[in-house]
PDB file of N, CA and C in Angstrom:
ATOM      1  N   MET A   1     -23.074  78.490 -29.939  1.00  0.00           N
ATOM      2  CA  MET A   1     -22.230  79.974 -29.879  1.00  0.00           C
ATOM      3  C   MET A   1     -22.781  80.600 -28.936  1.00  0.00           C
ATOM      4  N   ILE A   2     -22.524  81.462 -28.058  1.00  0.00           N
ATOM      5  CA  ILE A   2     -23.112  82.131 -27.324  1.00  0.00           C
ATOM      6  C   ILE A   2     -23.150  83.712 -27.527  1.00  0.00           C
ATOM      7  N   VAL A   3     -23.829  83.927 -27.540  1.00  0.00           N
ATOM      8  CA  VAL A   3     -24.101  85.707 -27.961  1.00  0.00           C
ATOM      9  C   VAL A   3     -24.585  86.332 -26.873  1.00  0.00           C
ATOM     10  N   LEU A   4     -23.537  87.462 -26.824  1.00  0.00           N
ATOM     11  CA  LEU A   4     -23.878  88.627 -25.534  1.00  0.00           C
ATOM     12  C   LEU A   4     -25.086  89.444 -25.932  1.00  0.00           C
ATOM     13  N   THR A   5     -26.031  89.719 -24.807  1.00  0.00           N
ATOM     14  CA  THR A   5     -26.981  90.778 -25.168  1.00  0.00           C
ATOM     15  C   THR A   5     -26.057  92.227 -24.652  1.00  0.00           C
ATOM     16  N   PRO A   6     -26.769  93.354 -25.190  1.00  0.00           N
ATOM     17  CA  PRO A   6     -26.090  94.451 -24.740  1.00  0.00           C
ATOM     18  C   PRO A   6     -25.977  94.537 -23.127  1.00  0.00           C
ATOM     19  N   ASN A   7     -26.880  94.224 -22.271  1.00  0.00           N
ATOM     20  CA  ASN A   7     -26.699  94.093 -20.908  1.00  0.00           C
ATOM     21  C   ASN A   7     -25.891  93.375 -20.356  1.00  0.00           C
ATOM     22  N   GLY A   8     -25.132  92.097 -21.105  1.00  0.00           N
ATOM     23  CA  GLY A   8     -24.108  91.331 -21.003  1.00  0.00           C
ATOM     24  C   GLY A   8     -24.616  89.956 -20.608  1.00  0.00           C
ATOM     25  N   GLN A   9     -25.990  89.988 -20.938  1.00  0.00           N
ATOM     26  CA  GLN A   9     -26.523  88.260 -20.468  1.00  0.00           C
ATOM     27  C   GLN A   9     -26.156  87.712 -21.753  1.00  0.00           C
ATOM     28  N   ARG A  10     -26.170  86.034 -21.284  1.00  0.00           N
ATOM     29  CA  ARG A  10     -25.768  84.708 -22.424  1.00  0.00           C
ATOM     30  C   ARG A  10     -26.480  84.339 -22.671  1.00  0.00           C
ATOM     31  N   HIS A  11     -26.926  84.365 -24.456  1.00  0.00           N
ATOM     32  CA  HIS A  11     -27.731  83.506 -24.529  1.00  0.00           C
ATOM     33  C   HIS A  11     -27.458  82.544 -25.676  1.00  0.00           C
ATOM     34  N   LEU A  12     -27.842  81.510 -26.070  1.00  0.00           N
ATOM     35  CA  LEU A  12     -27.314  80.321 -27.119  1.00  0.00           C
ATOM     36  C   LEU A  12     -28.175  80.629 -28.553  1.00  0.00           C
ATOM     37  N   LYS A  13     -27.185  80.479 -29.311  1.00  0.00           N
ATOM     38  CA  LYS A  13     -27.861  80.477 -30.566  1.00  0.00           C
ATOM     39  C   LYS A  13     -28.640  79.132 -30.842  1.00  0.00           C
ATOM     40  N   ASP A  14     -29.372  79.103 -32.174  1.00  0.00           N
ATOM     41  CA  ASP A  14     -30.106  77.901 -32.216  1.00  0.00           C
ATOM     42  C   ASP A  14     -29.260  77.098 -32.831  1.00  0.00           C
ATOM     43  N   SER A  15     -28.505  77.530 -33.435  1.00  0.00           N
ATOM     44  CA  SER A  15     -27.263  76.349 -34.336  1.00  0.00           C
ATOM     45  C   SER A  15     -26.627  75.399 -33.447  1.00  0.00           C
ATOM     46  N   MET A  16     -26.965  75.573 -31.893  1.00  0.00           N
ATOM     47  CA  MET A  16     -26.244  74.442 -31.339  1.00  0.00           C
ATOM     48  C   MET A  16     -27.214  73.036 -31.519  1.00  0.00           C
ATOM     49  N   ASN A  17     -26.131  72.025 -30.964  1.00  0.00           N
ATOM     50  CA  ASN A  17     -26.809  70.628 -30.523  1.00  0.00           C
ATOM     51  C   ASN A  17     -27.415  70.625 -29.246  1.00  0.00           C
ATOM     52  N   TYR A  18     -27.907  69.653 -28.868  1.00  0.00           N
ATOM     53  CA  TYR A  18     -28.424  69.309 -27.444  1.00  0.00           C
ATOM     54  C   TYR A  18     -27.099  69.230 -26.259  1.00  0.00           C
ATOM     55  N   GLU A  19     -26.449  68.672 -26.819  1.00  0.00           N
ATOM     56  CA  GLU A  19     -24.945  68.408 -25.684  1.00  0.00           C
ATOM     57  C   GLU A  19     -24.365  69.817 -25.898  1.00  0.00           C
ATOM     58  N   GLU A  20     -24.273  70.598 -26.452  1.00  0.00           N
ATOM     59  CA  GLU A  20     -23.566  71.598 -26.279  1.00  0.00           C
ATOM     60  C   GLU A  20     -24.355  72.656 -25.290  1.00  0.00           C
ATOM     61  N   GLN A  21     -25.315  72.646 -25.575  1.00  0.00           N
ATOM     62  CA  GLN A  21     -26.698  73.429 -24.530  1.00  0.00           C
ATOM     63  C   GLN A  21     -26.588  73.135 -23.406  1.00  0.00           C
ATOM     64  N   GLU A  22     -26.486  71.779 -23.166  1.00  0.00           N
ATOM     65  CA  GLU A  22     -26.184  71.165 -21.942  1.00  0.00           C
ATOM     66  C   GLU A  22     -25.232  71.793 -20.857  1.00  0.00           C
ATOM     67  N   LYS A  23     -24.179  71.332 -21.988  1.00  0.00           N
ATOM     68  CA  LYS A  23     -22.540  71.888 -21.496  1.00  0.00           C
ATOM     69  C   LYS A  23     -22.564  73.567 -20.873  1.00  0.00           C
ATOM     70  N   LEU A  24     -23.081  74.043 -21.771  1.00  0.00           N
ATOM     71  CA  LEU A  24     -23.276  75.729 -21.365  1.00  0.00           C
ATOM     72  C   LEU A  24     -23.882  75.963 -20.582  1.00  0.00           C
ATOM     73  N   SER A  25     -25.227  75.236 -20.178  1.00  0.00           N
ATOM     74  CA  SER A  25     -26.088  75.678 -18.976  1.00  0.00           C
ATOM     75  C   SER A  25     -25.262  74.820 -17.871  1.00  0.00           C
ATOM     76  N   LEU A  26     -24.301  73.938 -17.895  1.00  0.00           N
ATOM     77  CA  LEU A  26     -24.103  73.653 -16.584  1.00  0.00           C
ATOM     78  C   LEU A  26     -22.881  74.401 -16.348  1.00  0.00           C
ATOM     79  N   VAL A  27     -22.509  75.023 -17.326  1.00  0.00           N
ATOM     80  CA  VAL A  27     -20.783  75.975 -17.006  1.00  0.00           C
ATOM     81  C   VAL A  27     -21.321  77.032 -16.249  1.00  0.00           C
ATOM     82  N   GLU A  28     -22.957  77.647 -17.202  1.00  0.00           N
ATOM     83  CA  GLU A  28     -23.654  79.109 -16.378  1.00  0.00           C
ATOM     84  C   GLU A  28     -23.802  78.830 -15.187  1.00  0.00           C
ATOM     85  N   SER A  29     -24.778  77.718 -15.151  1.00  0.00           N
ATOM     86  CA  SER A  29     -24.852  77.523 -13.733  1.00  0.00           C
ATOM     87  C   SER A  29     -23.928  77.434 -12.239  1.00  0.00           C
ATOM     88  N   LYS A  30     -22.717  76.776 -12.868  1.00  0.00           N
ATOM     89  CA  LYS A  30     -21.655  76.467 -12.142  1.00  0.00           C
ATOM     90  C   LYS A  30     -21.077  78.075 -11.554  1.00  0.00           C
ATOM     91  N   ARG A  31     -21.138  78.801 -12.248  1.00  0.00           N
ATOM     92  CA  ARG A  31     -20.614  80.129 -12.261  1.00  0.00           C
ATOM     93  C   ARG A  31     -21.490  81.141 -11.292  1.00  0.00           C
ATOM     94  N   GLN A  32     -22.898  80.922 -11.394  1.00  0.00           N
ATOM     95  CA  GLN A  32     -24.011  82.000 -10.960  1.00  0.00           C
ATOM     96  C   GLN A  32     -23.772  81.324  -9.475  1.00  0.00           C
ATOM     97  N   THR A  33     -23.607  80.102  -9.045  1.00  0.00           N
ATOM     98  CA  THR A  33     -23.598  79.361  -7.962  1.00  0.00           C
ATOM     99  C   THR A  33     -22.129  79.925  -7.322  1.00  0.00           C
ATOM    100  N   LYS A  34     -21.002  79.998  -8.033  1.00  0.00           N
ATOM    101  CA  LYS A  34     -20.150  80.703  -7.116  1.00  0.00           C
ATOM    102  C   LYS A  34     -20.253  82.027  -7.030  1.00  0.00           C
ATOM    103  N   GLU A  35     -20.591  82.856  -7.681  1.00  0.00           N
ATOM    104  CA  GLU A  35     -20.810  84.188  -7.782  1.00  0.00           C
ATOM    105  C   GLU A  35     -21.864  84.524  -6.380  1.00  0.00           C
ATOM    106  N   ARG A  36     -22.804  83.556  -6.458  1.00  0.00           N
ATOM    107  CA  ARG A  36     -23.730  83.906  -5.170  1.00  0.00           C
ATOM    108  C   ARG A  36     -22.943  83.493  -3.760  1.00  0.00           C
ATOM    109  N   LYS A  37     -22.224  82.383  -4.045  1.00  0.00           N
ATOM    110  CA  LYS A  37     -21.256  82.251  -2.554  1.00  0.00           C
ATOM    111  C   LYS A  37     -20.210  82.836  -2.389  1.00  0.00           C
ATOM    112  N   ASN A  38     -20.057  83.805  -3.227  1.00  0.00           N
ATOM    113  CA  ASN A  38     -18.807  84.824  -2.936  1.00  0.00           C
ATOM    114  C   ASN A  38     -19.141  85.925  -2.654  1.00  0.00           C
ATOM    115  N   LYS A  39     -20.755  86.281  -2.773  1.00  0.00           N
ATOM    116  CA  LYS A  39     -21.413  87.541  -2.375  1.00  0.00           C
ATOM    117  C   LYS A  39     -21.400  87.638  -0.979  1.00  0.00           C
ATOM    118  N   GLY A  40     -21.710  86.463  -0.134  1.00  0.00           N
ATOM    119  CA  GLY A  40     -22.263  86.146   1.030  1.00  0.00           C
ATOM    120  C   GLY A  40     -21.143  85.554   1.971  1.00  0.00           C
ATOM    121  N   LYS A  41     -19.712  85.279   1.298  1.00  0.00           N
ATOM    122  CA  LYS A  41     -18.837  84.693   1.838  1.00  0.00           C
ATOM    123  C   LYS A  41     -18.198  85.067   3.562  1.00  0.00           C
ATOM    124  N   ASN A  42     -18.257  86.447   3.730  1.00  0.00           N
ATOM    125  CA  ASN A  42     -18.210  86.661   5.522  1.00  0.00           C
ATOM    126  C   ASN A  42     -19.062  86.976   5.983  1.00  0.00           C
ATOM    127  N   MET A  43     -20.595  86.485   5.813  1.00  0.00           N
ATOM    128  CA  MET A  43     -21.642  86.681   6.520  1.00  0.00           C
ATOM    129  C   MET A  43     -22.191  85.347   7.437  1.00  0.00           C
ATOM    130  N   ILE A  44     -22.625  85.643   8.236  1.00  0.00           N
ATOM    131  CA  ILE A  44     -23.038  83.969   8.955  1.00  0.00           C
ATOM    132  C   ILE A  44     -24.386  83.424   8.309  1.00  0.00           C
ATOM    133  N   ARG A  45     -25.292  84.393   8.023  1.00  0.00           N
ATOM    134  CA  ARG A  45     -26.196  83.690   6.754  1.00  0.00           C
ATOM    135  C   ARG A  45     -25.989  85.000   5.857  1.00  0.00           C
ATOM    136  N   PRO A  46     -26.146  84.381   4.406  1.00  0.00           N
ATOM    137  CA  PRO A  46     -26.391  85.695   3.438  1.00  0.00           C
ATOM    138  C   PRO A  46     -27.967  86.014   3.624  1.00  0.00           C
ATOM    139  N   PHE A  47     -28.087  87.163   3.357  1.00  0.00           N
ATOM    140  CA  PHE A  47     -29.255  87.873   3.009  1.00  0.00           C
ATOM    141  C   PHE A  47     -30.219  87.306   1.840  1.00  0.00           C
ATOM    142  N   THR A  48     -31.575  87.193   2.119  1.00  0.00           N
ATOM    143  CA  THR A  48     -32.319  86.611   1.358  1.00  0.00           C
ATOM    144  C   THR A  48     -32.612  87.583   0.530  1.00  0.00           C
ATOM    145  N   PHE A  49     -33.501  87.823  -0.843  1.00  0.00           N
ATOM    146  CA  PHE A  49     -33.388  88.905  -1.345  1.00  0.00           C
ATOM    147  C   PHE A  49     -34.653  89.986  -0.972  1.00  0.00           C
ATOM    148  N   ASP A  50     -35.435  89.335   0.010  1.00  0.00           N
ATOM    149  CA  ASP A  50     -36.332  90.328   0.539  1.00  0.00           C
ATOM    150  C   ASP A  50     -35.848  91.234   1.405  1.00  0.00           C
ATOM    151  N   GLU A  51     -34.523  90.613   2.551  1.00  0.00           N
ATOM    152  CA  GLU A  51     -33.767  91.242   3.139  1.00  0.00           C
ATOM    153  C   GLU A  51     -32.775  92.568   2.620  1.00  0.00           C
ATOM    154  N   GLU A  52     -32.345  91.900   1.807  1.00  0.00           N
ATOM    155  CA  GLU A  52     -31.482  92.840   0.904  1.00  0.00           C
ATOM    156  C   GLU A  52     -31.970  93.928  -0.048  1.00  0.00           C
ATOM    157  N   LYS A  53     -33.135  93.623  -0.050  1.00  0.00           N
ATOM    158  CA  LYS A  53     -34.126  94.853  -0.926  1.00  0.00           C
ATOM    159  C   LYS A  53     -34.526  95.468  -0.072  1.00  0.00           C
ATOM    160  N   ILE A  54     -35.264  95.344   1.435  1.00  0.00           N
ATOM    161  CA  ILE A  54     -35.539  96.286   2.683  1.00  0.00           C
ATOM    162  C   ILE A  54     -34.352  96.898   2.217  1.00  0.00           C
ATOM    163  N   LEU A  55     -33.166  96.393   3.110  1.00  0.00           N
ATOM    164  CA  LEU A  55     -31.912  97.167   3.192  1.00  0.00           C
ATOM    165  C   LEU A  55     -31.457  97.899   2.078  1.00  0.00           C
ATOM    166  N   TRP A  56     -31.393  97.803   1.155  1.00  0.00           N
ATOM    167  CA  TRP A  56     -31.488  98.762  -0.045  1.00  0.00           C
ATOM    168  C   TRP A  56     -32.331  99.911  -0.508  1.00  0.00           C
ATOM    169  N   ASP A  57     -33.638  99.505  -0.247  1.00  0.00           N
ATOM    170  CA  ASP A  57     -35.043 100.655  -0.441  1.00  0.00           C
ATOM    171  C   ASP A  57     -34.700 101.373   0.953  1.00  0.00           C
ATOM    172  N   GLY A  58     -34.117 101.050   2.516  1.00  0.00           N
ATOM    173  CA  GLY A  58     -33.858 101.661   3.630  1.00  0.00           C
ATOM    174  C   GLY A  58     -32.806 102.943   3.289  1.00  0.00           C
ATOM    175  N   LEU A  59     -31.813 102.089   2.484  1.00  0.00           N
ATOM    176  CA  LEU A  59     -30.377 103.400   2.589  1.00  0.00           C
ATOM    177  C   LEU A  59     -30.838 104.550   1.139  1.00  0.00           C
ATOM    178  N   ARG A  60     -31.544 103.863   0.308  1.00  0.00           N
ATOM    179  CA  ARG A  60     -31.842 104.908  -0.490  1.00  0.00           C
ATOM    180  C   ARG A  60     -32.888 106.320   0.170  1.00  0.00           C
ATOM    181  N   GLU A  61     -33.565 105.269   1.386  1.00  0.00           N
ATOM    182  CA  GLU A  61     -34.478 106.368   1.649  1.00  0.00           C
ATOM    183  C   GLU A  61     -33.871 107.574   2.714  1.00  0.00           C
ATOM    184  N   ASP A  62     -33.043 106.721   3.030  1.00  0.00           N
ATOM    185  CA  ASP A  62     -32.157 107.530   4.074  1.00  0.00           C
ATOM    186  C   ASP A  62     -31.238 108.900   3.411  1.00  0.00           C
ATOM    187  N   LYS A  63     -30.335 108.639   2.369  1.00  0.00           N
ATOM    188  CA  LYS A  63     -29.942 109.579   1.513  1.00  0.00           C
ATOM    189  C   LYS A  63     -31.265 110.515   0.986  1.00  0.00           C
ATOM    190  N   LYS A  64     -31.953 109.948   0.630  1.00  0.00           N
ATOM    191  CA  LYS A  64     -33.131 111.172   0.084  1.00  0.00           C
ATOM    192  C   LYS A  64     -33.565 111.971   0.976  1.00  0.00           C
ATOM    193  N   ASN A  65     -33.504 111.610   2.457  1.00  0.00           N
ATOM    194  CA  ASN A  65     -33.835 112.489   3.448  1.00  0.00           C
ATOM    195  C   ASN A  65     -32.756 113.352   4.099  1.00  0.00           C
ATOM    196  N   GLU A  66     -31.672 112.738   3.766  1.00  0.00           N
ATOM    197  CA  GLU A  66     -30.370 114.086   4.047  1.00  0.00           C
ATOM    198  C   GLU A  66     -30.331 114.916   3.020  1.00  0.00           C
ATOM    199  N   ASN A  67     -30.328 114.474   1.572  1.00  0.00           N
ATOM    200  CA  ASN A  67     -30.537 115.625   0.771  1.00  0.00           C
ATOM    201  C   ASN A  67     -31.968 116.538   0.932  1.00  0.00           C
ATOM    202  N   THR A  68     -32.634 116.190   1.316  1.00  0.00           N
ATOM    203  CA  THR A  68     -34.030 117.115   1.503  1.00  0.00           C
ATOM    204  C   THR A  68     -33.692 118.163   2.862  1.00  0.00           C
ATOM    205  N   THR A  69     -33.395 117.682   3.798  1.00  0.00           N
ATOM    206  CA  THR A  69     -32.860 118.248   5.106  1.00  0.00           C
ATOM    207  C   THR A  69     -31.437 119.220   4.923  1.00  0.00           C
ATOM    208  N   ASN A  70     -30.762 119.179   3.966  1.00  0.00           N
ATOM    209  CA  ASN A  70     -29.767 119.674   3.951  1.00  0.00           C
ATOM    210  C   ASN A  70     -29.954 121.150   2.867  1.00  0.00           C
TER     211      ASN A  70
END
């Protein structure tokens, strides 16, 4: 059985047998792969984790600077 945590993550209960766990793991892996593909669909090359972090950190810093100058 799948149990959702408060932050929306899925966890397996211990009462499952090995085959059920493997099947759910495969389904979850496919879902995550599809989500990653959809995220970068209109890009020539999707951002790496580090590039995305640099981008968001820079945007936060720009917004902070705007608020302090106004």
